[in-house]
Amino acid sequence: MTASGRQDGFPAGGTEVSPEQRIPEWGDDRTPAPAPEADMLGIDPAELGEADLIREMQSLHRTRLDTLRHATDSALANHLRRTAELETEYLARHPGREVDPSRLRDA
């Protein structure tokens, strides 16, 4: 493999673009293809109660590695989109969320 790129069309090293941009089913302009059915998109995160929002995020994080390694490109794209929606809603609700000092790196 050379630095010029991989044979599968992805950049060498994979750090030049985000995972969403590396999914072949996405168009050349790097926007996702429209979803086949609106019902498959899930409930708007803003409409979820706090417990439901947390439960949905836990479910996505629990299945993350399996989805990344074994799901179809469209399933991975949907997983990435839904994770971003739910996490964005969580951060909007908790802008001053408590940061555990033990999670901080030394400066």
N, C-alpha and C. Protein backbone atom coordinates (compact mmCIF):
# COMPACT_ATOMS: atom_id res chain seq x y z
N MET A 1 0.85 -1.18 0.00
CA MET A 1 0.00 0.00 0.00
C MET A 1 0.89 1.24 0.00
N THR A 2 0.58 2.18 -0.82
CA THR A 2 1.38 3.38 -0.93
C THR A 2 0.67 4.54 -0.25
N ALA A 3 1.39 5.63 -0.06
CA ALA A 3 0.81 6.81 0.58
C ALA A 3 -0.22 7.49 -0.31
N SER A 4 -0.25 7.14 -1.58
CA SER A 4 -1.17 7.81 -2.49
C SER A 4 -2.62 7.39 -2.29
N GLY A 5 -2.84 6.28 -1.63
CA GLY A 5 -4.21 5.86 -1.37
C GLY A 5 -4.36 4.36 -1.40
N ARG A 6 -5.51 3.90 -0.97
CA ARG A 6 -5.79 2.48 -0.93
C ARG A 6 -6.55 2.07 -2.17
N GLN A 7 -6.51 0.78 -2.49
CA GLN A 7 -7.22 0.29 -3.66
C GLN A 7 -8.73 0.35 -3.51
N ASP A 8 -9.23 0.38 -2.25
CA ASP A 8 -10.68 0.42 -2.05
C ASP A 8 -11.25 1.83 -2.16
N GLY A 9 -10.42 2.81 -2.46
CA GLY A 9 -10.91 4.16 -2.66
C GLY A 9 -10.86 5.04 -1.43
N PHE A 10 -10.55 4.46 -0.26
CA PHE A 10 -10.45 5.25 0.95
C PHE A 10 -9.03 5.79 1.06
N PRO A 11 -8.86 6.95 1.69
CA PRO A 11 -7.52 7.49 1.86
C PRO A 11 -6.67 6.58 2.75
N ALA A 12 -5.39 6.53 2.49
CA ALA A 12 -4.49 5.74 3.33
C ALA A 12 -4.49 6.31 4.74
N GLY A 13 -4.47 5.45 5.73
CA GLY A 13 -4.43 5.91 7.11
C GLY A 13 -5.79 6.21 7.68
N GLY A 14 -6.72 6.64 6.89
CA GLY A 14 -8.08 6.88 7.34
C GLY A 14 -8.27 8.08 8.22
N THR A 15 -7.26 8.91 8.42
CA THR A 15 -7.40 10.05 9.32
C THR A 15 -7.78 11.33 8.59
N GLU A 16 -7.78 11.32 7.28
CA GLU A 16 -8.04 12.52 6.52
C GLU A 16 -9.53 12.90 6.50
N VAL A 17 -10.40 11.93 6.72
CA VAL A 17 -11.83 12.17 6.66
C VAL A 17 -12.52 11.48 7.83
N SER A 18 -13.73 11.92 8.12
CA SER A 18 -14.49 11.32 9.21
C SER A 18 -15.07 9.98 8.76
N PRO A 19 -15.52 9.15 9.73
CA PRO A 19 -16.13 7.87 9.34
C PRO A 19 -17.32 8.04 8.41
N GLU A 20 -18.11 9.10 8.62
CA GLU A 20 -19.25 9.33 7.76
C GLU A 20 -18.83 9.55 6.31
N GLN A 21 -17.71 10.23 6.12
CA GLN A 21 -17.24 10.52 4.77
C GLN A 21 -16.62 9.30 4.11
N ARG A 22 -16.24 8.29 4.88
CA ARG A 22 -15.61 7.11 4.33
C ARG A 22 -16.63 6.08 3.86
N ILE A 23 -17.91 6.29 4.13
CA ILE A 23 -18.93 5.32 3.76
C ILE A 23 -19.23 5.45 2.27
N PRO A 24 -18.99 4.39 1.48
CA PRO A 24 -19.15 4.47 0.02
C PRO A 24 -20.56 4.83 -0.44
N GLU A 25 -21.59 4.48 0.31
CA GLU A 25 -22.95 4.76 -0.12
C GLU A 25 -23.27 6.24 -0.12
N TRP A 26 -22.46 7.05 0.52
CA TRP A 26 -22.70 8.48 0.56
C TRP A 26 -22.20 9.07 -0.74
N GLY A 27 -22.85 10.11 -1.19
CA GLY A 27 -22.53 10.69 -2.49
C GLY A 27 -21.18 11.36 -2.53
N ASP A 28 -20.77 11.75 -3.74
CA ASP A 28 -19.48 12.42 -3.90
C ASP A 28 -19.42 13.73 -3.13
N ASP A 29 -20.58 14.36 -2.92
CA ASP A 29 -20.58 15.62 -2.17
C ASP A 29 -20.63 15.36 -0.67
N ARG A 30 -20.50 14.09 -0.27
CA ARG A 30 -20.42 13.66 1.12
C ARG A 30 -21.69 13.93 1.91
N THR A 31 -22.83 13.89 1.25
CA THR A 31 -24.10 13.98 1.96
C THR A 31 -24.77 12.63 1.89
N PRO A 32 -25.46 12.23 2.98
CA PRO A 32 -26.07 10.90 2.96
C PRO A 32 -27.22 10.82 1.98
N ALA A 33 -27.41 9.64 1.44
CA ALA A 33 -28.56 9.40 0.58
C ALA A 33 -29.83 9.52 1.41
N PRO A 34 -30.94 9.93 0.83
CA PRO A 34 -32.16 10.04 1.61
C PRO A 34 -32.57 8.69 2.19
N ALA A 35 -33.13 8.73 3.38
CA ALA A 35 -33.58 7.51 4.03
C ALA A 35 -34.75 6.92 3.26
N PRO A 36 -34.85 5.59 3.20
CA PRO A 36 -35.93 4.97 2.44
C PRO A 36 -37.31 5.27 3.03
N GLU A 37 -37.42 5.32 4.35
CA GLU A 37 -38.70 5.60 4.98
C GLU A 37 -38.48 6.50 6.18
N ALA A 38 -39.32 7.49 6.33
CA ALA A 38 -39.19 8.41 7.46
C ALA A 38 -39.38 7.69 8.79
N ASP A 39 -40.19 6.63 8.82
CA ASP A 39 -40.44 5.90 10.05
C ASP A 39 -39.16 5.26 10.61
N MET A 40 -38.19 5.00 9.77
CA MET A 40 -36.98 4.34 10.21
C MET A 40 -36.00 5.29 10.89
N LEU A 41 -36.29 6.56 10.91
CA LEU A 41 -35.36 7.54 11.46
C LEU A 41 -35.39 7.61 12.97
N GLY A 42 -36.46 7.18 13.61
CA GLY A 42 -36.56 7.25 15.06
C GLY A 42 -37.27 8.50 15.50
N ILE A 43 -37.59 8.52 16.78
CA ILE A 43 -38.28 9.65 17.38
C ILE A 43 -37.32 10.83 17.49
N ASP A 44 -37.82 12.01 17.23
CA ASP A 44 -37.03 13.22 17.39
C ASP A 44 -36.49 13.26 18.81
N PRO A 45 -35.18 13.36 19.00
CA PRO A 45 -34.61 13.36 20.34
C PRO A 45 -35.19 14.43 21.26
N ALA A 46 -35.62 15.56 20.71
CA ALA A 46 -36.21 16.62 21.53
C ALA A 46 -37.52 16.18 22.16
N GLU A 47 -38.17 15.18 21.57
CA GLU A 47 -39.44 14.69 22.09
C GLU A 47 -39.26 13.59 23.14
N LEU A 48 -38.05 13.10 23.31
CA LEU A 48 -37.79 12.04 24.28
C LEU A 48 -37.67 12.61 25.69
N GLY A 49 -38.20 11.87 26.66
CA GLY A 49 -37.97 12.22 28.05
C GLY A 49 -36.52 11.94 28.41
N GLU A 50 -36.09 12.43 29.55
CA GLU A 50 -34.69 12.26 29.97
C GLU A 50 -34.30 10.78 30.05
N ALA A 51 -35.13 9.95 30.68
CA ALA A 51 -34.80 8.53 30.83
C ALA A 51 -34.74 7.84 29.47
N ASP A 52 -35.64 8.20 28.56
CA ASP A 52 -35.64 7.59 27.23
C ASP A 52 -34.41 8.01 26.43
N LEU A 53 -34.02 9.28 26.56
CA LEU A 53 -32.83 9.77 25.86
C LEU A 53 -31.59 9.00 26.33
N ILE A 54 -31.44 8.84 27.63
CA ILE A 54 -30.30 8.10 28.18
C ILE A 54 -30.34 6.65 27.72
N ARG A 55 -31.51 6.02 27.76
CA ARG A 55 -31.65 4.62 27.34
C ARG A 55 -31.27 4.46 25.87
N GLU A 56 -31.70 5.38 25.02
CA GLU A 56 -31.36 5.31 23.60
C GLU A 56 -29.86 5.45 23.37
N MET A 57 -29.23 6.39 24.10
CA MET A 57 -27.79 6.56 23.95
C MET A 57 -27.04 5.33 24.44
N GLN A 58 -27.48 4.75 25.56
CA GLN A 58 -26.84 3.54 26.07
C GLN A 58 -26.93 2.41 25.07
N SER A 59 -28.08 2.27 24.44
CA SER A 59 -28.27 1.21 23.45
C SER A 59 -27.32 1.40 22.26
N LEU A 60 -27.21 2.62 21.76
CA LEU A 60 -26.32 2.88 20.63
C LEU A 60 -24.86 2.64 20.99
N HIS A 61 -24.47 3.06 22.17
CA HIS A 61 -23.07 2.86 22.57
C HIS A 61 -22.77 1.38 22.82
N ARG A 62 -23.74 0.64 23.32
CA ARG A 62 -23.57 -0.79 23.56
C ARG A 62 -23.37 -1.55 22.24
N THR A 63 -24.01 -1.10 21.17
CA THR A 63 -23.93 -1.79 19.88
C THR A 63 -22.90 -1.17 18.93
N ARG A 64 -22.17 -0.18 19.38
CA ARG A 64 -21.27 0.58 18.52
C ARG A 64 -20.23 -0.27 17.81
N LEU A 65 -19.48 -1.06 18.55
CA LEU A 65 -18.40 -1.82 17.93
C LEU A 65 -18.94 -2.86 16.95
N ASP A 66 -20.00 -3.54 17.33
CA ASP A 66 -20.59 -4.53 16.44
C ASP A 66 -21.08 -3.87 15.15
N THR A 67 -21.71 -2.71 15.27
CA THR A 67 -22.18 -1.99 14.08
C THR A 67 -21.01 -1.55 13.20
N LEU A 68 -19.98 -1.02 13.82
CA LEU A 68 -18.81 -0.57 13.07
C LEU A 68 -18.15 -1.73 12.33
N ARG A 69 -18.05 -2.86 12.97
CA ARG A 69 -17.33 -3.99 12.38
C ARG A 69 -18.15 -4.82 11.41
N HIS A 70 -19.48 -4.93 11.64
CA HIS A 70 -20.22 -5.93 10.90
C HIS A 70 -21.47 -5.45 10.17
N ALA A 71 -21.92 -4.25 10.41
CA ALA A 71 -23.17 -3.78 9.79
C ALA A 71 -22.92 -3.31 8.35
N THR A 72 -24.00 -3.22 7.61
CA THR A 72 -23.91 -2.68 6.25
C THR A 72 -23.53 -1.20 6.31
N ASP A 73 -23.10 -0.67 5.20
CA ASP A 73 -22.74 0.75 5.15
C ASP A 73 -23.92 1.64 5.52
N SER A 74 -25.11 1.29 5.04
CA SER A 74 -26.27 2.13 5.35
C SER A 74 -26.63 2.03 6.83
N ALA A 75 -26.48 0.85 7.44
CA ALA A 75 -26.75 0.72 8.87
C ALA A 75 -25.74 1.51 9.69
N LEU A 76 -24.49 1.50 9.28
CA LEU A 76 -23.48 2.29 9.98
C LEU A 76 -23.76 3.77 9.83
N ALA A 77 -24.14 4.20 8.65
CA ALA A 77 -24.47 5.62 8.44
C ALA A 77 -25.64 6.02 9.32
N ASN A 78 -26.67 5.17 9.42
CA ASN A 78 -27.82 5.46 10.26
C ASN A 78 -27.40 5.51 11.73
N HIS A 79 -26.54 4.59 12.15
CA HIS A 79 -26.04 4.54 13.52
C HIS A 79 -25.29 5.83 13.86
N LEU A 80 -24.42 6.28 12.96
CA LEU A 80 -23.66 7.50 13.18
C LEU A 80 -24.58 8.72 13.27
N ARG A 81 -25.56 8.77 12.38
CA ARG A 81 -26.50 9.89 12.37
C ARG A 81 -27.31 9.93 13.65
N ARG A 82 -27.83 8.79 14.05
CA ARG A 82 -28.68 8.74 15.25
C ARG A 82 -27.87 9.05 16.50
N THR A 83 -26.65 8.54 16.58
CA THR A 83 -25.80 8.84 17.73
C THR A 83 -25.55 10.35 17.82
N ALA A 84 -25.25 10.98 16.70
CA ALA A 84 -25.02 12.43 16.70
C ALA A 84 -26.26 13.19 17.12
N GLU A 85 -27.43 12.78 16.65
CA GLU A 85 -28.68 13.45 17.04
C GLU A 85 -28.92 13.36 18.54
N LEU A 86 -28.78 12.15 19.09
CA LEU A 86 -29.05 11.95 20.51
C LEU A 86 -28.03 12.66 21.39
N GLU A 87 -26.76 12.59 21.02
CA GLU A 87 -25.73 13.25 21.81
C GLU A 87 -25.85 14.77 21.73
N THR A 88 -26.22 15.29 20.58
CA THR A 88 -26.43 16.73 20.44
C THR A 88 -27.57 17.18 21.34
N GLU A 89 -28.64 16.42 21.38
CA GLU A 89 -29.77 16.75 22.27
C GLU A 89 -29.34 16.69 23.73
N TYR A 90 -28.57 15.67 24.10
CA TYR A 90 -28.11 15.56 25.48
C TYR A 90 -27.27 16.78 25.87
N LEU A 91 -26.35 17.17 25.00
CA LEU A 91 -25.50 18.33 25.30
C LEU A 91 -26.31 19.63 25.35
N ALA A 92 -27.35 19.74 24.54
CA ALA A 92 -28.21 20.92 24.59
C ALA A 92 -28.95 20.99 25.92
N ARG A 93 -29.34 19.85 26.45
CA ARG A 93 -30.04 19.81 27.73
C ARG A 93 -29.11 19.99 28.92
N HIS A 94 -27.87 19.63 28.74
CA HIS A 94 -26.90 19.65 29.85
C HIS A 94 -25.64 20.42 29.46
N PRO A 95 -25.77 21.71 29.15
CA PRO A 95 -24.58 22.46 28.71
C PRO A 95 -23.52 22.58 29.80
N GLY A 96 -23.92 22.57 31.06
CA GLY A 96 -22.97 22.67 32.16
C GLY A 96 -22.80 21.34 32.86
N ARG A 97 -22.79 20.28 32.08
CA ARG A 97 -22.74 18.94 32.68
C ARG A 97 -21.52 18.81 33.57
N GLU A 98 -21.67 17.98 34.60
CA GLU A 98 -20.60 17.79 35.56
C GLU A 98 -19.48 16.97 34.93
N VAL A 99 -18.26 17.47 35.03
CA VAL A 99 -17.10 16.76 34.50
C VAL A 99 -16.38 16.12 35.67
N ASP A 100 -16.18 14.83 35.59
CA ASP A 100 -15.48 14.09 36.64
C ASP A 100 -13.99 14.45 36.60
N PRO A 101 -13.46 15.02 37.69
CA PRO A 101 -12.04 15.41 37.68
C PRO A 101 -11.08 14.24 37.41
N SER A 102 -11.49 13.03 37.75
CA SER A 102 -10.61 11.87 37.48
C SER A 102 -10.52 11.55 36.00
N ARG A 103 -11.39 12.15 35.19
CA ARG A 103 -11.36 11.92 33.74
C ARG A 103 -10.49 12.93 33.02
N LEU A 104 -9.97 13.93 33.74
CA LEU A 104 -9.15 14.96 33.12
C LEU A 104 -7.71 14.46 32.97
N ARG A 105 -7.09 14.87 31.89
CA ARG A 105 -5.68 14.56 31.69
C ARG A 105 -4.85 15.63 32.35
N ASP A 106 -3.64 15.24 32.74
CA ASP A 106 -2.71 16.22 33.32
C ASP A 106 -2.27 17.18 32.23
N ALA A 107 -2.16 18.44 32.59
CA ALA A 107 -1.77 19.46 31.62
C ALA A 107 -0.31 19.43 31.29
